[in-house]
């Protein structure tokens, strides 16, 4: 991890890895008071750690039970209470004290695979993830890759497939040869329902923890392979999926307000939606940037085509839009 000043001068750097992941580390660092906090949920050796923002000195490091996950944590200070770092990963919501990293809250109410980061509005958190409702049969993967018909897969056969590679490298005897037993063990790990859940942080009536998580509502199915994080804005929750499918929910009840395709910006989506001044901004992987009226009954105002691959989320500040594509970094003036 590296820190630079505003002029681009390197201030400090600290080693974090090596990491034990199938698809890389995905959670972004966050600022938490005088520290910068990193969550590294991995296939083994997961941890959360805080470093002094001034010099990179390690302040604390805490092991975590969660397996591989990619959601960025949240910084939360209850009214009149101490601050916490909140995490969503591998079926669990967690809260670590920002002062020393001690785990204070665990709630097992999430999906097993968390790729999107959670969204928080007041005391309410929105998170979705996915799992396999039924184990995927090894026979289908064999049919795709098993060139020599020996009933197992070698690196020469599965190639760069990240999911298969991760099981072969870190599952079973770790000999890089994938067997049916190793595949089935992974299926048990990633099994579970696919859903979007809203839960509220509130005082723990039993006072066993500083606060508890209470589910408000849940929407089942429809979130497999969705990468963009949800957006909570003006009492509406927005989720965009591949194909340019945008769904708006009543943030309090979970009722669907509108579901439809973003006309002119249909394609794959990795970038998360952002909003300001009553407008939503969505950038798809083909470089089409849609501007929408933010409302439960949203509608498309304009679509701009940059004709460059875009996977990064736009950054909004002081009426400016900053957007990174595969070719350039852009700055736009919002109208």
C-alpha atoms as a PDB file:
ATOM      1  CA  UNK A   1       0.000   0.000   0.000  1.00  0.00           C
ATOM      2  CA  UNK A   2       1.341   3.402  -0.953  1.00  0.00           C
ATOM      3  CA  UNK A   3       0.539   6.989   0.031  1.00  0.00           C
ATOM      4  CA  UNK A   4       1.229  10.087  -2.071  1.00  0.00           C
ATOM      5  CA  UNK A   5       0.855  13.782  -1.344  1.00  0.00           C
ATOM      6  CA  UNK A   6      -1.249  16.072  -3.512  1.00  0.00           C
ATOM      7  CA  UNK A   7       1.738  16.723  -5.816  1.00  0.00           C
ATOM      8  CA  UNK A   8       2.285  13.010  -6.442  1.00  0.00           C
ATOM      9  CA  UNK A   9       5.317  12.625  -4.168  1.00  0.00           C
ATOM     10  CA  UNK A  10       5.591   9.213  -2.483  1.00  0.00           C
ATOM     11  CA  UNK A  11       5.129   9.616   1.272  1.00  0.00           C
ATOM     12  CA  UNK A  12       5.310   6.004   2.436  1.00  0.00           C
ATOM     13  CA  UNK A  13       4.700   2.427   1.407  1.00  0.00           C
ATOM     14  CA  UNK A  14       4.107  -0.779   3.352  1.00  0.00           C
ATOM     15  CA  UNK A  15       3.933  -4.412   2.182  1.00  0.00           C
ATOM     16  CA  UNK A  16       0.598  -6.199   2.563  1.00  0.00           C
ATOM     17  CA  UNK A  17       0.863  -9.509   0.718  1.00  0.00           C
ATOM     18  CA  UNK A  18       1.335 -11.968  -0.690  1.00  0.00           C
ATOM     19  CA  UNK A  19      -2.391 -12.637  -1.015  1.00  0.00           C
ATOM     20  CA  UNK A  20      -4.127 -15.997  -1.315  1.00  0.00           C
ATOM     21  CA  UNK A  21      -6.950 -15.249  -3.751  1.00  0.00           C
ATOM     22  CA  UNK A  22      -8.477 -16.749  -6.870  1.00  0.00           C
ATOM     23  CA  UNK A  23      -9.357 -13.428  -8.541  1.00  0.00           C
ATOM     24  CA  UNK A  24      -7.279 -10.801  -6.759  1.00  0.00           C
ATOM     25  CA  UNK A  25      -7.930  -8.459  -3.858  1.00  0.00           C
ATOM     26  CA  UNK A  26     -10.921  -6.212  -4.478  1.00  0.00           C
ATOM     27  CA  UNK A  27     -11.750  -4.214  -1.331  1.00  0.00           C
ATOM     28  CA  UNK A  28     -10.582  -0.598  -1.410  1.00  0.00           C
ATOM     29  CA  UNK A  29      -8.839   0.969   1.597  1.00  0.00           C
ATOM     30  CA  UNK A  30     -10.883   3.465   3.617  1.00  0.00           C
ATOM     31  CA  UNK A  31     -10.065   6.319   5.976  1.00  0.00           C
ATOM     32  CA  UNK A  32     -11.077   5.748   9.588  1.00  0.00           C
ATOM     33  CA  UNK A  33     -10.130   8.704  11.746  1.00  0.00           C
ATOM     34  CA  UNK A  34      -6.335   8.999  11.858  1.00  0.00           C
ATOM     35  CA  UNK A  35      -5.911   5.559  10.265  1.00  0.00           C
ATOM     36  CA  UNK A  36      -6.338   3.966   6.861  1.00  0.00           C
ATOM     37  CA  UNK A  37      -7.978   0.531   7.065  1.00  0.00           C
ATOM     38  CA  UNK A  38      -7.542  -2.404   4.706  1.00  0.00           C
ATOM     39  CA  UNK A  39      -9.683  -5.563   4.608  1.00  0.00           C
ATOM     40  CA  UNK A  40      -8.058  -8.579   2.955  1.00  0.00           C
ATOM     41  CA  UNK A  41     -10.544 -11.456   2.901  1.00  0.00           C
ATOM     42  CA  UNK A  42      -8.813 -14.390   1.242  1.00  0.00           C
ATOM     43  CA  UNK A  43      -9.012 -18.122   0.741  1.00  0.00           C
ATOM     44  CA  UNK A  44      -6.853 -18.336   3.862  1.00  0.00           C
ATOM     45  CA  UNK A  45      -5.255 -15.830   6.222  1.00  0.00           C
ATOM     46  CA  UNK A  46      -8.007 -13.183   6.050  1.00  0.00           C
ATOM     47  CA  UNK A  47      -7.383 -10.030   8.081  1.00  0.00           C
ATOM     48  CA  UNK A  48      -8.352  -6.425   8.700  1.00  0.00           C
ATOM     49  CA  UNK A  49      -5.591  -3.947   9.529  1.00  0.00           C
ATOM     50  CA  UNK A  50      -5.201  -0.249  10.335  1.00  0.00           C
ATOM     51  CA  UNK A  51      -2.210   1.907   9.430  1.00  0.00           C
ATOM     52  CA  UNK A  52      -1.293   5.409  10.580  1.00  0.00           C
ATOM     53  CA  UNK A  53      -2.225   7.829   7.796  1.00  0.00           C
ATOM     54  CA  UNK A  54       0.876   9.943   8.468  1.00  0.00           C
ATOM     55  CA  UNK A  55       3.601   7.328   8.112  1.00  0.00           C
ATOM     56  CA  UNK A  56       2.063   3.909   7.324  1.00  0.00           C
ATOM     57  CA  UNK A  57       2.902   2.465  10.737  1.00  0.00           C
ATOM     58  CA  UNK A  58       0.788  -0.584  11.602  1.00  0.00           C
ATOM     59  CA  UNK A  59      -1.643   0.319  14.415  1.00  0.00           C
ATOM     60  CA  UNK A  60      -3.449  -3.020  14.676  1.00  0.00           C
ATOM     61  CA  UNK A  61      -4.191  -6.188  12.709  1.00  0.00           C
ATOM     62  CA  UNK A  62      -6.996  -8.680  13.383  1.00  0.00           C
ATOM     63  CA  UNK A  63      -7.600 -12.100  11.865  1.00  0.00           C
ATOM     64  CA  UNK A  64     -10.990 -12.823  10.286  1.00  0.00           C
ATOM     65  CA  UNK A  65     -12.935 -16.062   9.755  1.00  0.00           C
ATOM     66  CA  UNK A  66     -14.420 -14.861   6.478  1.00  0.00           C
ATOM     67  CA  UNK A  67     -13.153 -16.427   3.272  1.00  0.00           C
ATOM     68  CA  UNK A  68     -12.566 -14.691  -0.041  1.00  0.00           C
ATOM     69  CA  UNK A  69     -14.570 -11.508  -0.495  1.00  0.00           C
ATOM     70  CA  UNK A  70     -14.365  -8.203  -2.378  1.00  0.00           C
ATOM     71  CA  UNK A  71     -16.669  -5.679  -0.678  1.00  0.00           C
ATOM     72  CA  UNK A  72     -15.158  -2.394   0.550  1.00  0.00           C
ATOM     73  CA  UNK A  73     -15.808  -1.719   4.266  1.00  0.00           C
ATOM     74  CA  UNK A  74     -17.679   1.236   5.789  1.00  0.00           C
ATOM     75  CA  UNK A  75     -16.712   3.636   8.583  1.00  0.00           C
ATOM     76  CA  UNK A  76     -19.499   4.064  11.141  1.00  0.00           C
ATOM     77  CA  UNK A  77     -19.852   6.079  14.349  1.00  0.00           C
ATOM     78  CA  UNK A  78     -23.055   5.403  16.314  1.00  0.00           C
ATOM     79  CA  UNK A  79     -24.600   8.491  17.858  1.00  0.00           C
ATOM     80  CA  UNK A  80     -22.722   9.135  21.070  1.00  0.00           C
ATOM     81  CA  UNK A  81     -20.632   5.982  20.624  1.00  0.00           C
ATOM     82  CA  UNK A  82     -17.224   4.792  19.507  1.00  0.00           C
ATOM     83  CA  UNK A  83     -16.394   4.373  15.796  1.00  0.00           C
ATOM     84  CA  UNK A  84     -16.392   1.018  13.992  1.00  0.00           C
ATOM     85  CA  UNK A  85     -15.340  -0.437  10.658  1.00  0.00           C
ATOM     86  CA  UNK A  86     -18.206  -2.422   9.103  1.00  0.00           C
ATOM     87  CA  UNK A  87     -17.634  -5.338   6.734  1.00  0.00           C
ATOM     88  CA  UNK A  88     -19.758  -7.585   4.485  1.00  0.00           C
ATOM     89  CA  UNK A  89     -18.200 -10.849   3.336  1.00  0.00           C
ATOM     90  CA  UNK A  90     -18.926 -14.576   2.990  1.00  0.00           C
ATOM     91  CA  UNK A  91     -22.391 -14.548   4.489  1.00  0.00           C
ATOM     92  CA  UNK A  92     -21.439 -12.351   7.435  1.00  0.00           C
ATOM     93  CA  UNK A  93     -21.798  -8.752   8.517  1.00  0.00           C
ATOM     94  CA  UNK A  94     -19.064  -7.725  10.935  1.00  0.00           C
ATOM     95  CA  UNK A  95     -18.103  -4.698  13.001  1.00  0.00           C
ATOM     96  CA  UNK A  96     -14.553  -4.079  14.245  1.00  0.00           C
ATOM     97  CA  UNK A  97     -13.681  -1.349  16.753  1.00  0.00           C
ATOM     98  CA  UNK A  98     -11.779   1.369  14.902  1.00  0.00           C
ATOM     99  CA  UNK A  99      -9.548   1.901  17.942  1.00  0.00           C
ATOM    100  CA  UNK A 100      -8.042  -1.593  18.221  1.00  0.00           C
ATOM    101  CA  UNK A 101      -9.650  -3.848  15.578  1.00  0.00           C
ATOM    102  CA  UNK A 102     -11.494  -6.013  18.095  1.00  0.00           C
ATOM    103  CA  UNK A 103     -14.581  -7.651  16.588  1.00  0.00           C
ATOM    104  CA  UNK A 104     -17.705  -6.406  18.303  1.00  0.00           C
ATOM    105  CA  UNK A 105     -20.606  -7.610  16.117  1.00  0.00           C
ATOM    106  CA  UNK A 106     -21.273 -10.589  13.849  1.00  0.00           C
ATOM    107  CA  UNK A 107     -24.534 -11.168  11.981  1.00  0.00           C
ATOM    108  CA  UNK A 108     -24.913 -14.125   9.616  1.00  0.00           C
ATOM    109  CA  UNK A 109     -27.577 -12.743   7.315  1.00  0.00           C
ATOM    110  CA  UNK A 110     -25.804 -12.241   3.978  1.00  0.00           C
ATOM    111  CA  UNK A 111     -25.243 -14.263   0.818  1.00  0.00           C
ATOM    112  CA  UNK A 112     -22.117 -16.385   0.576  1.00  0.00           C
ATOM    113  CA  UNK A 113     -20.303 -14.497  -2.222  1.00  0.00           C
ATOM    114  CA  UNK A 114     -20.080 -10.733  -1.755  1.00  0.00           C
ATOM    115  CA  UNK A 115     -18.575  -8.883  -4.721  1.00  0.00           C
ATOM    116  CA  UNK A 116     -20.429  -5.555  -4.571  1.00  0.00           C
ATOM    117  CA  UNK A 117     -19.678  -3.154  -1.733  1.00  0.00           C
ATOM    118  CA  UNK A 118     -22.489  -2.335   0.706  1.00  0.00           C
ATOM    119  CA  UNK A 119     -24.376   0.971   0.604  1.00  0.00           C
ATOM    120  CA  UNK A 120     -25.277   2.783   3.818  1.00  0.00           C
ATOM    121  CA  UNK A 121     -27.923   5.461   4.391  1.00  0.00           C
ATOM    122  CA  UNK A 122     -28.240   6.621   7.979  1.00  0.00           C
ATOM    123  CA  UNK A 123     -28.401   3.467  10.084  1.00  0.00           C
ATOM    124  CA  UNK A 124     -29.528   1.232   7.211  1.00  0.00           C
ATOM    125  CA  UNK A 125     -27.184  -0.932   5.144  1.00  0.00           C
ATOM    126  CA  UNK A 126     -27.994  -2.508   1.780  1.00  0.00           C
ATOM    127  CA  UNK A 127     -25.990  -5.505   0.557  1.00  0.00           C
ATOM    128  CA  UNK A 128     -26.425  -8.237  -2.020  1.00  0.00           C
ATOM    129  CA  UNK A 129     -24.493 -11.321  -2.985  1.00  0.00           C
ATOM    130  CA  UNK A 130     -24.973 -14.680  -4.574  1.00  0.00           C
ATOM    131  CA  UNK A 131     -24.403 -18.361  -4.151  1.00  0.00           C
ATOM    132  CA  UNK A 132     -25.316 -21.590  -5.871  1.00  0.00           C
ATOM    133  CA  UNK A 133     -28.834 -22.661  -4.986  1.00  0.00           C
ATOM    134  CA  UNK A 134     -27.811 -26.156  -6.062  1.00  0.00           C
ATOM    135  CA  UNK A 135     -24.261 -27.540  -6.447  1.00  0.00           C
ATOM    136  CA  UNK A 136     -22.884 -27.238  -9.965  1.00  0.00           C
ATOM    137  CA  UNK A 137     -22.059 -30.725 -11.285  1.00  0.00           C
ATOM    138  CA  UNK A 138     -18.404 -31.436 -11.961  1.00  0.00           C
ATOM    139  CA  UNK A 139     -19.449 -33.208 -15.163  1.00  0.00           C
ATOM    140  CA  UNK A 140     -20.203 -29.889 -16.883  1.00  0.00           C
ATOM    141  CA  UNK A 141     -16.742 -28.530 -16.142  1.00  0.00           C
ATOM    142  CA  UNK A 142     -15.179 -31.788 -17.280  1.00  0.00           C
ATOM    143  CA  UNK A 143     -17.113 -31.641 -20.534  1.00  0.00           C
ATOM    144  CA  UNK A 144     -15.702 -28.183 -21.129  1.00  0.00           C
ATOM    145  CA  UNK A 145     -12.037 -28.776 -20.275  1.00  0.00           C
ATOM    146  CA  UNK A 146     -11.165 -32.493 -19.901  1.00  0.00           C
ATOM    147  CA  UNK A 147      -9.281 -33.030 -23.153  1.00  0.00           C
ATOM    148  CA  UNK A 148      -7.667 -36.352 -22.215  1.00  0.00           C
ATOM    149  CA  UNK A 149     -10.815 -37.822 -20.620  1.00  0.00           C
ATOM    150  CA  UNK A 150      -9.130 -38.858 -17.357  1.00  0.00           C
ATOM    151  CA  UNK A 151     -11.852 -37.385 -15.127  1.00  0.00           C
ATOM    152  CA  UNK A 152      -9.699 -34.606 -13.669  1.00  0.00           C
ATOM    153  CA  UNK A 153      -8.291 -31.300 -14.868  1.00  0.00           C
ATOM    154  CA  UNK A 154      -4.704 -30.152 -15.253  1.00  0.00           C
ATOM    155  CA  UNK A 155      -3.450 -26.553 -15.688  1.00  0.00           C
ATOM    156  CA  UNK A 156      -2.946 -27.235 -19.378  1.00  0.00           C
ATOM    157  CA  UNK A 157      -6.659 -28.045 -19.656  1.00  0.00           C
ATOM    158  CA  UNK A 158      -8.372 -25.361 -17.547  1.00  0.00           C
ATOM    159  CA  UNK A 159      -5.904 -22.629 -18.527  1.00  0.00           C
ATOM    160  CA  UNK A 160      -6.754 -19.161 -17.199  1.00  0.00           C
ATOM    161  CA  UNK A 161     -10.202 -19.959 -15.768  1.00  0.00           C
ATOM    162  CA  UNK A 162      -9.883 -18.130 -12.411  1.00  0.00           C
ATOM    163  CA  UNK A 163     -12.524 -20.114 -10.530  1.00  0.00           C
ATOM    164  CA  UNK A 164     -11.138 -23.511 -11.502  1.00  0.00           C
ATOM    165  CA  UNK A 165      -7.556 -22.331 -10.999  1.00  0.00           C
ATOM    166  CA  UNK A 166      -8.364 -21.118  -7.472  1.00  0.00           C
ATOM    167  CA  UNK A 167      -9.806 -24.486  -6.438  1.00  0.00           C
ATOM    168  CA  UNK A 168      -6.893 -26.432  -7.910  1.00  0.00           C
ATOM    169  CA  UNK A 169      -4.306 -24.179  -6.276  1.00  0.00           C
ATOM    170  CA  UNK A 170      -5.813 -23.795  -2.795  1.00  0.00           C
ATOM    171  CA  UNK A 171      -8.204 -26.739  -2.404  1.00  0.00           C
ATOM    172  CA  UNK A 172      -7.479 -30.314  -1.407  1.00  0.00           C
ATOM    173  CA  UNK A 173      -3.823 -31.284  -1.756  1.00  0.00           C
ATOM    174  CA  UNK A 174      -2.990 -28.105  -3.758  1.00  0.00           C
ATOM    175  CA  UNK A 175      -1.233 -29.974  -6.550  1.00  0.00           C
ATOM    176  CA  UNK A 176      -2.936 -27.846  -9.264  1.00  0.00           C
ATOM    177  CA  UNK A 177      -4.878 -30.918 -10.443  1.00  0.00           C
ATOM    178  CA  UNK A 178      -8.623 -30.489  -9.939  1.00  0.00           C
ATOM    179  CA  UNK A 179     -10.531 -33.575  -8.837  1.00  0.00           C
ATOM    180  CA  UNK A 180     -14.224 -34.136  -8.299  1.00  0.00           C
ATOM    181  CA  UNK A 181     -13.818 -34.229  -4.498  1.00  0.00           C
ATOM    182  CA  UNK A 182     -12.088 -30.833  -4.528  1.00  0.00           C
ATOM    183  CA  UNK A 183     -14.769 -29.410  -6.812  1.00  0.00           C
ATOM    184  CA  UNK A 184     -17.578 -30.703  -4.584  1.00  0.00           C
ATOM    185  CA  UNK A 185     -15.926 -29.251  -1.464  1.00  0.00           C
ATOM    186  CA  UNK A 186     -15.836 -25.821  -3.101  1.00  0.00           C
ATOM    187  CA  UNK A 187     -19.482 -26.134  -4.115  1.00  0.00           C
ATOM    188  CA  UNK A 188     -20.443 -26.680  -0.486  1.00  0.00           C
ATOM    189  CA  UNK A 189     -18.507 -23.553   0.450  1.00  0.00           C
ATOM    190  CA  UNK A 190     -20.138 -21.268  -2.125  1.00  0.00           C
ATOM    191  CA  UNK A 191     -23.628 -22.706  -1.849  1.00  0.00           C
ATOM    192  CA  UNK A 192     -26.519 -20.667  -0.564  1.00  0.00           C
ATOM    193  CA  UNK A 193     -29.267 -18.303  -1.642  1.00  0.00           C
ATOM    194  CA  UNK A 194     -28.890 -15.214  -3.810  1.00  0.00           C
ATOM    195  CA  UNK A 195     -30.513 -12.074  -2.429  1.00  0.00           C
ATOM    196  CA  UNK A 196     -30.501  -8.352  -1.669  1.00  0.00           C
ATOM    197  CA  UNK A 197     -31.021  -7.503   1.993  1.00  0.00           C
ATOM    198  CA  UNK A 198     -31.618  -4.288   3.915  1.00  0.00           C
ATOM    199  CA  UNK A 199     -30.762  -4.262   7.610  1.00  0.00           C
ATOM    200  CA  UNK A 200     -30.664  -1.585  10.260  1.00  0.00           C
ATOM    201  CA  UNK A 201     -28.133  -1.012  13.005  1.00  0.00           C
ATOM    202  CA  UNK A 202     -29.799  -0.396  16.342  1.00  0.00           C
ATOM    203  CA  UNK A 203     -29.036  -0.714  20.064  1.00  0.00           C
ATOM    204  CA  UNK A 204     -28.718  -4.298  21.263  1.00  0.00           C
ATOM    205  CA  UNK A 205     -31.576  -4.873  23.745  1.00  0.00           C
ATOM    206  CA  UNK A 206     -29.506  -7.494  25.550  1.00  0.00           C
ATOM    207  CA  UNK A 207     -26.481  -5.158  25.624  1.00  0.00           C
ATOM    208  CA  UNK A 208     -24.207  -8.028  24.610  1.00  0.00           C
ATOM    209  CA  UNK A 209     -22.799  -5.852  21.811  1.00  0.00           C
ATOM    210  CA  UNK A 210     -22.635  -2.112  21.110  1.00  0.00           C
ATOM    211  CA  UNK A 211     -25.368  -2.553  18.493  1.00  0.00           C
ATOM    212  CA  UNK A 212     -27.079  -5.264  16.470  1.00  0.00           C
ATOM    213  CA  UNK A 213     -28.184  -5.780  12.872  1.00  0.00           C
ATOM    214  CA  UNK A 214     -31.920  -6.277  12.276  1.00  0.00           C
ATOM    215  CA  UNK A 215     -33.234  -7.304   8.851  1.00  0.00           C
ATOM    216  CA  UNK A 216     -35.790  -4.919   7.365  1.00  0.00           C
ATOM    217  CA  UNK A 217     -36.544  -6.623   4.072  1.00  0.00           C
ATOM    218  CA  UNK A 218     -35.091  -9.034   1.557  1.00  0.00           C
ATOM    219  CA  UNK A 219     -35.426  -9.584  -2.210  1.00  0.00           C
ATOM    220  CA  UNK A 220     -34.533 -13.090  -3.325  1.00  0.00           C
ATOM    221  CA  UNK A 221     -32.873 -14.073  -6.597  1.00  0.00           C
ATOM    222  CA  UNK A 222     -31.740 -11.999  -9.526  1.00  0.00           C
ATOM    223  CA  UNK A 223     -28.281 -10.963  -8.288  1.00  0.00           C
ATOM    224  CA  UNK A 224     -26.018 -13.670  -9.709  1.00  0.00           C
ATOM    225  CA  UNK A 225     -22.785 -12.263 -11.164  1.00  0.00           C
ATOM    226  CA  UNK A 226     -23.811  -8.652 -10.441  1.00  0.00           C
ATOM    227  CA  UNK A 227     -20.663  -6.578  -9.853  1.00  0.00           C
ATOM    228  CA  UNK A 228     -21.782  -2.916  -9.457  1.00  0.00           C
ATOM    229  CA  UNK A 229     -22.538  -1.823  -5.901  1.00  0.00           C
ATOM    230  CA  UNK A 230     -26.037  -0.610  -5.003  1.00  0.00           C
ATOM    231  CA  UNK A 231     -26.729   3.113  -4.654  1.00  0.00           C
ATOM    232  CA  UNK A 232     -28.991   4.621  -1.981  1.00  0.00           C
ATOM    233  CA  UNK A 233     -30.101   8.124  -2.983  1.00  0.00           C
ATOM    234  CA  UNK A 234     -33.078  10.222  -1.885  1.00  0.00           C
ATOM    235  CA  UNK A 235     -35.017   7.302  -0.356  1.00  0.00           C
ATOM    236  CA  UNK A 236     -34.555   5.100  -3.424  1.00  0.00           C
ATOM    237  CA  UNK A 237     -32.166   2.166  -3.857  1.00  0.00           C
ATOM    238  CA  UNK A 238     -30.756   1.530  -7.339  1.00  0.00           C
ATOM    239  CA  UNK A 239     -29.159  -1.666  -8.679  1.00  0.00           C
ATOM    240  CA  UNK A 240     -27.795  -1.985 -12.233  1.00  0.00           C
ATOM    241  CA  UNK A 241     -27.104  -5.358 -13.855  1.00  0.00           C
ATOM    242  CA  UNK A 242     -25.590  -6.643 -17.068  1.00  0.00           C
ATOM    243  CA  UNK A 243     -27.754  -5.844 -20.058  1.00  0.00           C
ATOM    244  CA  UNK A 244     -28.336  -2.334 -18.736  1.00  0.00           C
ATOM    245  CA  UNK A 245     -31.145  -3.515 -16.452  1.00  0.00           C
ATOM    246  CA  UNK A 246     -31.757  -0.866 -13.791  1.00  0.00           C
ATOM    247  CA  UNK A 247     -34.085  -1.550 -10.869  1.00  0.00           C
ATOM    248  CA  UNK A 248     -35.226   1.042  -8.360  1.00  0.00           C
ATOM    249  CA  UNK A 249     -36.555  -0.041  -4.954  1.00  0.00           C
ATOM    250  CA  UNK A 250     -38.372   1.738  -2.188  1.00  0.00           C
ATOM    251  CA  UNK A 251     -35.470   1.983   0.268  1.00  0.00           C
ATOM    252  CA  UNK A 252     -37.726   1.514   3.287  1.00  0.00           C
ATOM    253  CA  UNK A 253     -39.830  -1.431   2.119  1.00  0.00           C
ATOM    254  CA  UNK A 254     -37.949  -3.092  -0.737  1.00  0.00           C
ATOM    255  CA  UNK A 255     -40.887  -2.721  -3.119  1.00  0.00           C
ATOM    256  CA  UNK A 256     -39.847  -2.473  -6.783  1.00  0.00           C
ATOM    257  CA  UNK A 257     -40.626   0.977  -8.149  1.00  0.00           C
ATOM    258  CA  UNK A 258     -39.357   0.439 -11.683  1.00  0.00           C
ATOM    259  CA  UNK A 259     -37.315  -2.170 -13.542  1.00  0.00           C
ATOM    260  CA  UNK A 260     -36.221  -1.664 -17.121  1.00  0.00           C
ATOM    261  CA  UNK A 261     -33.323  -1.329 -19.536  1.00  0.00           C
ATOM    262  CA  UNK A 262     -31.314   1.870 -19.803  1.00  0.00           C
ATOM    263  CA  UNK A 263     -32.095   2.646 -23.421  1.00  0.00           C
ATOM    264  CA  UNK A 264     -28.936   3.396 -25.384  1.00  0.00           C
ATOM    265  CA  UNK A 265     -26.621   1.923 -22.741  1.00  0.00           C
ATOM    266  CA  UNK A 266     -27.328  -1.799 -22.927  1.00  0.00           C
ATOM    267  CA  UNK A 267     -24.238  -3.911 -22.241  1.00  0.00           C
ATOM    268  CA  UNK A 268     -22.078  -5.259 -19.457  1.00  0.00           C
ATOM    269  CA  UNK A 269     -21.711  -3.285 -16.227  1.00  0.00           C
ATOM    270  CA  UNK A 270     -18.810  -3.295 -13.755  1.00  0.00           C
ATOM    271  CA  UNK A 271     -18.909   0.377 -12.783  1.00  0.00           C
ATOM    272  CA  UNK A 272     -21.220   1.334  -9.905  1.00  0.00           C
ATOM    273  CA  UNK A 273     -23.932   3.997 -10.249  1.00  0.00           C
ATOM    274  CA  UNK A 274     -23.356   7.432  -8.685  1.00  0.00           C
ATOM    275  CA  UNK A 275     -25.671  10.399  -8.175  1.00  0.00           C
ATOM    276  CA  UNK A 276     -25.689  14.136  -7.513  1.00  0.00           C
ATOM    277  CA  UNK A 277     -28.142  17.023  -7.882  1.00  0.00           C
ATOM    278  CA  UNK A 278     -31.026  14.791  -8.878  1.00  0.00           C
ATOM    279  CA  UNK A 279     -29.131  12.914 -11.583  1.00  0.00           C
ATOM    280  CA  UNK A 280     -27.878   9.322 -11.856  1.00  0.00           C
ATOM    281  CA  UNK A 281     -24.736   8.496 -13.804  1.00  0.00           C
ATOM    282  CA  UNK A 282     -24.148   4.988 -15.163  1.00  0.00           C
ATOM    283  CA  UNK A 283     -21.107   3.912 -17.191  1.00  0.00           C
ATOM    284  CA  UNK A 284     -21.115   0.556 -18.955  1.00  0.00           C
ATOM    285  CA  UNK A 285     -18.168  -1.563 -20.088  1.00  0.00           C
ATOM    286  CA  UNK A 286     -18.463  -0.289 -23.676  1.00  0.00           C
ATOM    287  CA  UNK A 287     -17.974   3.316 -22.572  1.00  0.00           C
ATOM    288  CA  UNK A 288     -21.574   4.443 -22.829  1.00  0.00           C
ATOM    289  CA  UNK A 289     -22.314   6.901 -20.012  1.00  0.00           C
ATOM    290  CA  UNK A 290     -25.998   7.420 -19.287  1.00  0.00           C
ATOM    291  CA  UNK A 291     -27.451  10.386 -17.418  1.00  0.00           C
ATOM    292  CA  UNK A 292     -30.828   9.681 -15.801  1.00  0.00           C
ATOM    293  CA  UNK A 293     -33.364  11.567 -13.773  1.00  0.00           C
ATOM    294  CA  UNK A 294     -33.098  10.181 -10.249  1.00  0.00           C
ATOM    295  CA  UNK A 295     -36.511   8.970  -9.107  1.00  0.00           C
ATOM    296  CA  UNK A 296     -38.375   5.798  -8.357  1.00  0.00           C
ATOM    297  CA  UNK A 297     -39.791   6.156 -11.869  1.00  0.00           C
ATOM    298  CA  UNK A 298     -36.386   7.035 -13.350  1.00  0.00           C
ATOM    299  CA  UNK A 299     -35.930   7.929 -16.993  1.00  0.00           C
ATOM    300  CA  UNK A 300     -32.987   8.431 -19.351  1.00  0.00           C
ATOM    301  CA  UNK A 301     -32.017  12.021 -20.156  1.00  0.00           C
ATOM    302  CA  UNK A 302     -28.967  11.450 -22.333  1.00  0.00           C
ATOM    303  CA  UNK A 303     -26.409   8.785 -23.294  1.00  0.00           C
ATOM    304  CA  UNK A 304     -22.827   9.749 -24.133  1.00  0.00           C
ATOM    305  CA  UNK A 305     -20.653   7.284 -26.062  1.00  0.00           C
ATOM    306  CA  UNK A 306     -16.907   7.447 -25.310  1.00  0.00           C
ATOM    307  CA  UNK A 307     -16.281   4.317 -27.404  1.00  0.00           C
ATOM    308  CA  UNK A 308     -13.642   3.117 -24.900  1.00  0.00           C
ATOM    309  CA  UNK A 309     -13.795   0.279 -22.383  1.00  0.00           C
ATOM    310  CA  UNK A 310     -14.867   1.481 -18.943  1.00  0.00           C
ATOM    311  CA  UNK A 311     -14.869  -0.551 -15.739  1.00  0.00           C
ATOM    312  CA  UNK A 312     -14.214   2.219 -13.190  1.00  0.00           C
ATOM    313  CA  UNK A 313     -16.889   4.065 -11.218  1.00  0.00           C
ATOM    314  CA  UNK A 314     -17.176   7.805 -12.012  1.00  0.00           C
ATOM    315  CA  UNK A 315     -16.090  10.237  -9.288  1.00  0.00           C
ATOM    316  CA  UNK A 316     -18.249  13.313  -8.654  1.00  0.00           C
ATOM    317  CA  UNK A 317     -16.976  16.444  -6.901  1.00  0.00           C
ATOM    318  CA  UNK A 318     -17.975  20.134  -7.030  1.00  0.00           C
ATOM    319  CA  UNK A 319     -19.946  19.811 -10.242  1.00  0.00           C
ATOM    320  CA  UNK A 320     -17.170  17.880 -11.996  1.00  0.00           C
ATOM    321  CA  UNK A 321     -17.280  14.295 -13.288  1.00  0.00           C
ATOM    322  CA  UNK A 322     -14.030  12.323 -13.430  1.00  0.00           C
ATOM    323  CA  UNK A 323     -14.125   9.117 -15.456  1.00  0.00           C
ATOM    324  CA  UNK A 324     -11.362   6.633 -16.266  1.00  0.00           C
ATOM    325  CA  UNK A 325     -11.528   4.439 -19.355  1.00  0.00           C
ATOM    326  CA  UNK A 326      -9.015   2.029 -20.856  1.00  0.00           C
ATOM    327  CA  UNK A 327      -7.581   4.918 -22.864  1.00  0.00           C
ATOM    328  CA  UNK A 328      -7.743   8.074 -20.758  1.00  0.00           C
ATOM    329  CA  UNK A 329      -8.852   9.931 -17.652  1.00  0.00           C
ATOM    330  CA  UNK A 330     -11.635  12.421 -18.436  1.00  0.00           C
ATOM    331  CA  UNK A 331     -12.957  15.466 -16.613  1.00  0.00           C
ATOM    332  CA  UNK A 332     -16.440  16.721 -17.522  1.00  0.00           C
ATOM    333  CA  UNK A 333     -18.475  19.675 -16.340  1.00  0.00           C
ATOM    334  CA  UNK A 334     -21.940  18.570 -15.220  1.00  0.00           C
ATOM    335  CA  UNK A 335     -24.768  20.494 -16.847  1.00  0.00           C
END
